[in-house]
Amino acid sequence: MHNVILWLPFVLLMTTPSHAQELKTVASVDLTRYAGLWFEIASFPQRFQKGCEFTTATYTGTDKDYILVENKCIRNRKPTGIRGKAFVVKGSNNAKLKVQFFWPLRGKYWIIDLADDYSYAVVSHPNRKYLWILSRTSTMPDAVFQGIKDRLKEKGFDLTKLRLTRQRDN
């Protein structure tokens, strides 16, 4: 792909500083239900996503010990993206993954909020410097978005950094 960009989990390799409140993941994740297309609704902007619009992530199960990951966006009116692998962290009930776009580097990908029907997910790193709100649809009801933001604030996130991602329908 053109203009290969360093996407979300790759930069999640930062060390985790101590916080007054330890970041918790969801209790468990059914990876079969988690697989598929997700639209980025909002995020903490990262330089590797600069200029991206219509950002999506697709997760595909395999018969191997990893999940295929494909992140895409439109930058300067051109499609761009990157492919990688996600590995489940043992003992996490699939709520913690390590994502690899460039061998041997793996970044922390923690699922910290997830709708019962898998209609939305919130992903972060234990250092709280990275955050993505994902949805199965390109838009999210305001009440759902506000509920997610309320829970993020309770978890110690600085929501002044949160920015909406432009999607085709919003």
Protein backbone atom coordinates (compact mmCIF):
# COMPACT_ATOMS: atom_id res chain seq x y z
CA MET A 1 0.00 0.00 0.00
CA HIS A 2 1.05 3.57 -0.65
CA ASN A 3 2.28 5.76 2.17
CA VAL A 4 2.45 3.02 4.74
CA ILE A 5 1.70 4.74 8.00
CA LEU A 6 2.42 3.72 11.53
CA TRP A 7 -0.96 2.93 12.97
CA LEU A 8 -2.43 2.79 16.39
CA PRO A 9 -1.08 -0.32 18.07
CA PHE A 10 2.45 0.15 16.74
CA VAL A 11 3.04 3.23 18.84
CA LEU A 12 1.51 1.68 21.90
CA LEU A 13 4.94 0.45 22.93
CA MET A 14 5.51 3.26 25.39
CA THR A 15 6.22 2.26 28.94
CA THR A 16 3.33 2.46 31.33
CA PRO A 17 3.71 5.14 34.00
CA SER A 18 2.03 4.56 37.33
CA HIS A 19 -1.39 6.13 37.71
CA ALA A 20 -3.43 6.59 40.81
CA GLN A 21 -6.03 4.33 39.21
CA GLU A 22 -4.96 1.22 37.30
CA LEU A 23 -6.68 0.97 33.92
CA LYS A 24 -8.97 -2.04 33.74
CA THR A 25 -10.08 -3.95 30.69
CA VAL A 26 -13.46 -5.52 30.10
CA ALA A 27 -13.90 -8.94 31.75
CA SER A 28 -13.72 -10.91 28.50
CA VAL A 29 -14.00 -10.60 24.72
CA ASP A 30 -15.48 -13.08 22.25
CA LEU A 31 -13.00 -12.67 19.39
CA THR A 32 -15.42 -14.17 16.87
CA ARG A 33 -17.92 -11.43 17.68
CA TYR A 34 -15.16 -8.79 17.81
CA ALA A 35 -13.94 -9.69 14.31
CA GLY A 36 -15.08 -7.58 11.38
CA LEU A 37 -15.18 -3.93 10.39
CA TRP A 38 -15.01 -1.09 12.93
CA PHE A 39 -15.29 2.66 12.24
CA GLU A 40 -13.24 5.10 14.29
CA ILE A 41 -15.68 7.56 15.89
CA ALA A 42 -13.17 9.53 17.97
CA SER A 43 -9.60 9.26 19.22
CA PHE A 44 -6.72 10.99 20.88
CA PRO A 45 -4.97 12.28 17.72
CA GLN A 46 -1.64 10.62 17.01
CA ARG A 47 0.94 11.85 14.55
CA PHE A 48 0.86 8.58 12.59
CA GLN A 49 -2.81 9.26 11.81
CA LYS A 50 -2.33 12.92 10.89
CA GLY A 51 -4.57 13.93 8.02
CA CYS A 52 -6.61 10.71 8.12
CA GLU A 53 -10.35 10.67 7.51
CA PHE A 54 -12.81 7.80 7.14
CA THR A 55 -10.64 5.65 9.40
CA THR A 56 -11.51 1.97 9.82
CA ALA A 57 -10.03 -1.16 11.36
CA THR A 58 -10.85 -4.70 10.29
CA TYR A 59 -10.06 -7.74 12.43
CA THR A 60 -10.09 -11.20 10.86
CA GLY A 61 -9.73 -14.46 12.77
CA THR A 62 -7.26 -17.06 11.55
CA ASP A 63 -6.55 -20.70 12.35
CA LYS A 64 -3.17 -19.58 13.67
CA ASP A 65 -2.26 -17.97 16.99
CA TYR A 66 -3.09 -14.45 15.81
CA ILE A 67 -5.80 -12.20 14.36
CA LEU A 68 -5.20 -10.27 11.15
CA VAL A 69 -5.51 -6.50 11.55
CA GLU A 70 -5.98 -4.02 8.72
CA ASN A 71 -6.20 -0.29 9.40
CA LYS A 72 -7.26 2.05 6.62
CA CYS A 73 -7.98 5.71 6.09
CA ILE A 74 -8.13 8.35 3.39
CA ARG A 75 -5.25 10.82 3.51
CA ASN A 76 -4.91 13.60 0.93
CA ARG A 77 -7.79 11.96 -0.98
CA LYS A 78 -5.83 8.71 -1.32
CA PRO A 79 -6.45 5.40 0.44
CA THR A 80 -3.69 4.30 2.77
CA GLY A 81 -3.32 1.66 5.40
CA ILE A 82 -1.29 -1.00 7.08
CA ARG A 83 -1.68 -4.69 7.92
CA GLY A 84 -0.54 -6.47 11.04
CA LYS A 85 -1.23 -9.24 13.53
CA ALA A 86 -2.81 -9.20 16.98
CA PHE A 87 -1.84 -11.76 19.61
CA VAL A 88 -3.95 -12.48 22.69
CA VAL A 89 -2.23 -11.92 26.02
CA LYS A 90 -2.58 -15.16 27.98
CA GLY A 91 -4.81 -14.93 31.02
CA SER A 92 -6.62 -11.79 29.80
CA ASN A 93 -9.79 -13.51 28.54
CA ASN A 94 -9.01 -11.89 25.15
CA ALA A 95 -9.34 -8.34 26.54
CA LYS A 96 -5.63 -7.60 26.12
CA LEU A 97 -3.90 -7.97 22.80
CA LYS A 98 -0.42 -7.23 21.54
CA VAL A 99 -0.49 -5.88 18.01
CA GLN A 100 2.45 -6.16 15.65
CA PHE A 101 2.88 -4.22 12.42
CA PHE A 102 6.68 -4.39 12.31
CA TRP A 103 8.55 -7.40 13.63
CA PRO A 104 9.58 -7.75 16.44
CA LEU A 105 7.73 -4.77 17.95
CA ARG A 106 4.37 -5.38 19.63
CA GLY A 107 2.12 -2.72 21.13
CA LYS A 108 -0.43 -3.01 23.91
CA TYR A 109 -4.06 -2.96 22.75
CA TRP A 110 -6.46 -3.10 25.67
CA ILE A 111 -10.23 -3.29 25.21
CA ILE A 112 -11.52 -1.16 28.08
CA ASP A 113 -15.20 -0.78 27.15
CA LEU A 114 -17.40 -2.96 24.96
CA ALA A 115 -21.12 -2.98 24.24
CA ASP A 116 -22.95 -6.16 25.17
CA ASP A 117 -23.99 -6.47 21.52
CA TYR A 118 -20.50 -5.56 20.24
CA SER A 119 -21.84 -2.40 18.58
CA TYR A 120 -19.02 -0.29 20.03
CA ALA A 121 -15.62 -0.80 21.60
CA VAL A 122 -13.11 1.45 23.33
CA VAL A 123 -9.42 0.66 23.03
CA SER A 124 -6.48 2.14 24.90
CA HIS A 125 -3.06 1.55 26.37
CA PRO A 126 -2.49 1.32 30.13
CA ASN A 127 -0.71 4.70 30.05
CA ARG A 128 -3.94 6.42 28.86
CA LYS A 129 -2.06 8.37 26.15
CA TYR A 130 -3.84 6.51 23.36
CA LEU A 131 -7.58 6.14 22.92
CA TRP A 132 -9.90 5.01 20.15
CA ILE A 133 -13.68 4.84 20.24
CA LEU A 134 -14.88 2.36 17.61
CA SER A 135 -18.32 1.55 16.26
CA ARG A 136 -19.80 -1.01 13.88
CA THR A 137 -21.47 1.89 12.07
CA SER A 138 -19.95 5.14 10.86
CA THR A 139 -22.07 7.15 13.29
CA MET A 140 -22.91 6.69 16.95
CA PRO A 141 -25.98 7.92 18.85
CA ASP A 142 -25.18 10.93 21.03
CA ALA A 143 -26.44 9.20 24.19
CA VAL A 144 -24.12 6.22 23.60
CA PHE A 145 -21.15 8.50 22.91
CA GLN A 146 -21.86 10.55 26.05
CA GLY A 147 -22.09 7.38 28.14
CA ILE A 148 -18.69 6.25 26.84
CA LYS A 149 -17.18 9.66 27.62
CA ASP A 150 -18.64 9.59 31.14
CA ARG A 151 -17.05 6.17 31.79
CA LEU A 152 -13.72 7.32 30.33
CA LYS A 153 -13.68 10.32 32.63
CA GLU A 154 -14.28 7.98 35.60
CA LYS A 155 -11.28 5.92 34.37
CA GLY A 156 -9.02 8.97 34.51
CA PHE A 157 -8.81 9.99 30.84
CA ASP A 158 -8.21 13.62 29.86
CA LEU A 159 -11.11 14.09 27.45
CA THR A 160 -9.90 17.52 26.33
CA LYS A 161 -7.66 15.51 23.95
CA LEU A 162 -10.56 13.60 22.37
CA ARG A 163 -11.32 14.50 18.74
CA LEU A 164 -14.11 13.27 16.48
CA THR A 165 -13.04 11.38 13.38
CA ARG A 166 -14.62 12.44 10.12
CA GLN A 167 -16.59 9.62 8.56
CA ARG A 168 -18.63 9.69 5.36
CA ASP A 169 -21.92 9.96 7.27
CA ASN A 170 -21.02 12.68 9.79
